Protein backbone atom coordinates (compact mmCIF):
# COMPACT_ATOMS: atom_id res chain seq x y z
CA MET A 1 -18.62 66.89 -14.61
CA SER A 2 -19.99 63.47 -13.82
CA ALA A 3 -22.04 62.60 -10.75
CA GLU A 4 -19.16 60.42 -9.47
CA SER A 5 -16.88 63.40 -8.94
CA SER A 6 -17.32 66.77 -7.32
CA PRO A 7 -15.07 69.80 -7.55
CA SER A 8 -13.41 68.90 -4.23
CA ASP A 9 -12.37 65.39 -5.30
CA GLU A 10 -8.65 64.84 -5.56
CA ARG A 11 -8.67 62.02 -8.15
CA PHE A 12 -10.17 62.00 -11.61
CA PRO A 13 -10.21 58.98 -13.93
CA VAL A 14 -8.82 59.82 -17.36
CA ALA A 15 -7.83 58.14 -20.60
CA VAL A 16 -5.19 59.22 -23.09
CA VAL A 17 -5.52 59.07 -26.87
CA THR A 18 -2.25 58.56 -28.76
CA GLU A 19 -1.62 58.56 -32.49
CA CYS A 20 0.94 56.65 -34.50
CA ARG A 21 1.48 58.19 -37.94
CA GLN A 22 3.55 56.51 -40.64
CA VAL A 23 6.50 58.61 -41.83
CA GLN A 24 7.27 58.52 -45.55
CA GLY A 25 10.65 59.26 -47.11
CA ASN A 26 12.78 59.00 -43.98
CA ARG A 27 15.14 56.06 -43.79
CA TRP A 28 15.72 56.44 -40.03
CA LEU A 29 12.16 57.01 -38.87
CA ARG A 30 9.23 54.78 -39.87
CA GLU A 31 6.58 56.12 -37.50
CA ARG A 32 5.96 59.10 -35.24
CA TRP A 33 3.96 58.94 -32.00
CA ARG A 34 2.16 61.79 -30.27
CA VAL A 35 -0.41 62.31 -27.54
CA VAL A 36 -3.61 63.63 -29.10
CA SER A 37 -5.87 64.27 -26.11
CA VAL A 38 -6.96 63.44 -22.59
CA THR A 39 -10.56 62.55 -21.80
CA VAL A 40 -12.25 62.45 -18.40
CA GLY A 41 -14.86 60.07 -16.98
CA ALA A 42 -15.52 57.32 -14.45
CA HIS A 43 -16.14 54.82 -17.27
CA LEU A 44 -12.44 55.17 -18.11
CA ALA A 45 -11.22 53.92 -14.72
CA ALA A 46 -10.74 50.30 -15.78
CA GLY A 47 -7.46 49.81 -17.53
CA SER A 48 -5.59 47.03 -19.22
CA ALA A 49 -1.99 46.40 -20.14
CA ASN A 50 -2.85 47.01 -23.78
CA PRO A 51 -4.46 50.07 -25.33
CA LEU A 52 -7.80 49.91 -27.10
CA PRO A 53 -7.61 50.51 -30.85
CA MET A 54 -9.86 53.39 -31.92
CA ALA A 55 -9.12 53.88 -35.61
CA ASP A 56 -6.64 52.74 -38.26
CA ASP A 57 -6.60 54.06 -41.82
CA GLY A 58 -3.26 52.52 -42.83
CA ASN A 59 -1.32 55.77 -42.42
CA SER A 60 -2.31 56.55 -38.89
CA ARG A 61 -3.82 54.72 -35.96
CA LEU A 62 -5.36 55.95 -32.73
CA LEU A 63 -5.06 54.13 -29.41
CA LEU A 64 -7.02 54.69 -26.19
CA TRP A 65 -5.15 54.14 -22.91
CA THR A 66 -7.52 53.75 -19.94
CA GLY A 67 -6.99 53.23 -16.23
CA LEU A 68 -5.10 56.47 -15.60
CA GLN A 69 -6.00 59.25 -13.19
CA VAL A 70 -5.19 62.85 -12.48
CA ARG A 71 -4.48 63.52 -8.82
CA LEU A 72 -4.55 66.96 -7.27
CA TYR A 73 -2.27 67.62 -4.29
CA PRO A 74 -2.40 70.65 -1.97
CA ASP A 75 1.39 71.12 -2.20
CA GLU A 76 1.13 71.52 -6.01
CA VAL A 77 -1.68 74.10 -5.87
CA GLU A 78 0.51 77.06 -6.91
CA SER A 79 1.57 75.15 -10.03
CA TYR A 80 -2.09 74.43 -10.87
CA TYR A 81 -2.88 78.11 -10.38
CA HIS A 82 -0.16 79.18 -12.83
CA ASN A 83 -1.31 76.57 -15.37
CA LEU A 84 -4.90 77.87 -15.19
CA MET A 85 -3.74 81.47 -15.66
CA VAL A 86 -2.01 80.95 -19.03
CA GLU A 87 -3.84 81.61 -22.29
CA GLN A 88 -4.14 77.89 -23.08
CA PRO A 89 -4.04 75.72 -19.91
CA GLY A 90 -2.48 72.33 -20.51
CA CYS A 91 -2.67 68.75 -19.42
CA PHE A 92 0.72 67.02 -19.33
CA VAL A 93 1.15 63.35 -20.23
CA VAL A 94 4.32 61.47 -19.29
CA THR A 95 5.04 58.43 -21.49
CA ARG A 96 7.59 55.62 -21.34
CA ALA A 97 8.52 53.34 -24.21
CA ARG A 98 7.40 49.74 -23.80
CA GLU A 99 9.52 46.82 -25.00
CA ASP A 100 7.81 47.03 -28.40
CA GLY A 101 8.73 50.72 -28.68
CA VAL A 102 5.18 51.98 -28.21
CA PRO A 103 5.06 54.98 -25.84
CA GLU A 104 2.73 54.16 -22.94
CA PRO A 105 1.18 56.96 -20.87
CA VAL A 106 2.19 56.47 -17.22
CA LEU A 107 1.20 59.79 -15.66
CA VAL A 108 -1.25 62.59 -16.39
CA THR A 109 -0.94 65.87 -14.48
CA VAL A 110 -2.06 69.49 -14.59
CA SER A 111 1.06 70.63 -12.70
CA PHE A 112 3.69 72.60 -14.62
CA ASP A 113 6.23 71.71 -11.94
CA GLU A 114 5.59 67.96 -12.00
CA ALA A 115 5.80 67.90 -15.81
CA GLN A 116 9.03 69.92 -15.72
CA ALA A 117 10.57 67.50 -13.20
CA TYR A 118 9.93 64.58 -15.56
CA GLN A 119 11.38 66.50 -18.51
CA GLU A 120 14.50 67.37 -16.54
CA ALA A 121 14.91 63.65 -15.78
CA ASP A 122 14.83 62.92 -19.55
CA GLY A 123 11.21 61.83 -19.50
CA THR A 124 8.93 62.28 -22.48
CA VAL A 125 6.18 64.78 -21.70
CA ASP A 126 3.46 65.83 -24.14
CA ARG A 127 1.20 68.81 -23.56
CA VAL A 128 -2.40 68.77 -24.75
CA PRO A 129 -5.29 71.16 -24.07
CA LEU A 130 -6.75 70.82 -20.58
CA PRO A 131 -10.23 69.21 -20.81
CA ALA A 132 -13.05 71.43 -19.48
CA GLU A 133 -13.91 68.96 -16.70
CA LEU A 134 -10.32 69.01 -15.40
CA TYR A 135 -10.15 72.78 -15.74
CA ARG A 136 -13.23 73.17 -13.53
CA ALA A 137 -11.93 70.62 -11.02
CA ALA A 138 -8.47 72.24 -10.84
CA GLU A 139 -10.07 75.68 -10.55
CA ALA A 140 -12.25 74.54 -7.63
CA PHE A 141 -9.23 72.88 -6.00
CA VAL A 142 -7.16 76.06 -6.36
CA LEU A 143 -9.97 78.20 -4.94
CA GLU A 144 -10.22 75.85 -1.97
CA HIS A 145 -6.50 75.43 -1.24
CA TYR A 146 -4.45 78.27 -2.75
CA VAL A 147 -3.23 81.06 -0.49
CA PRO A 148 -0.94 83.41 -2.42
CA GLU A 149 2.18 84.41 -0.54
CA PRO A 150 2.04 88.07 0.40
CA ARG A 151 4.36 90.21 -1.64
CA LYS A 152 7.36 91.31 0.35
CA LYS A 153 8.65 94.77 -0.16
CA ARG A 154 12.40 94.86 -0.34
CA ARG A 155 14.08 97.20 2.03
CA LEU A 156 15.89 99.83 0.04
CA GLU A 157 19.49 100.36 0.96
CA ASN A 158 21.06 103.76 0.92
CA TRP A 159 23.57 103.41 -1.89
CA LYS A 160 25.15 106.77 -1.08
CA GLU A 161 26.38 105.55 2.29
CA GLY A 162 27.82 102.33 0.82
CA THR A 163 29.36 99.54 2.84
CA GLY A 164 33.03 100.13 2.21
CA GLY A 165 32.96 99.74 -1.55
CA GLY A 166 35.80 102.24 -1.91
CA HIS A 167 33.78 105.12 -3.38
């Protein structure tokens, strides 16, 4: 983790790498976009309206979208906890199509619940592996803020005495 951020910070500058791959032999689809990764670092805080080209080999091109951030909120801490407990924790990137059709990342989160809310609202959400820096930050945040709800034991009802079910 960089010197600019500590485990208790609530905001982390990130950038998103997207890939546009040319599709051959499909008359309805010429290209396919996907989110490749999320990177973390203070040097990524400055953003622009246009992505930075990273590579282009004619069949595929990579773009770097800067100026984004991951924010951690105390009311989402249970969702972070569940994300960290799965075999492969994820980082979720919400994109919206620009006028030129290029999907632009507009939100990056480590919350299952926030990502699910965007999907339910017909948003486009891509899942990529959670970068180590964000994993450590989310883990520290969860350790600081998460208080599991105590398990409640259900009161067993005597089924033999029924409540007028006719038996």
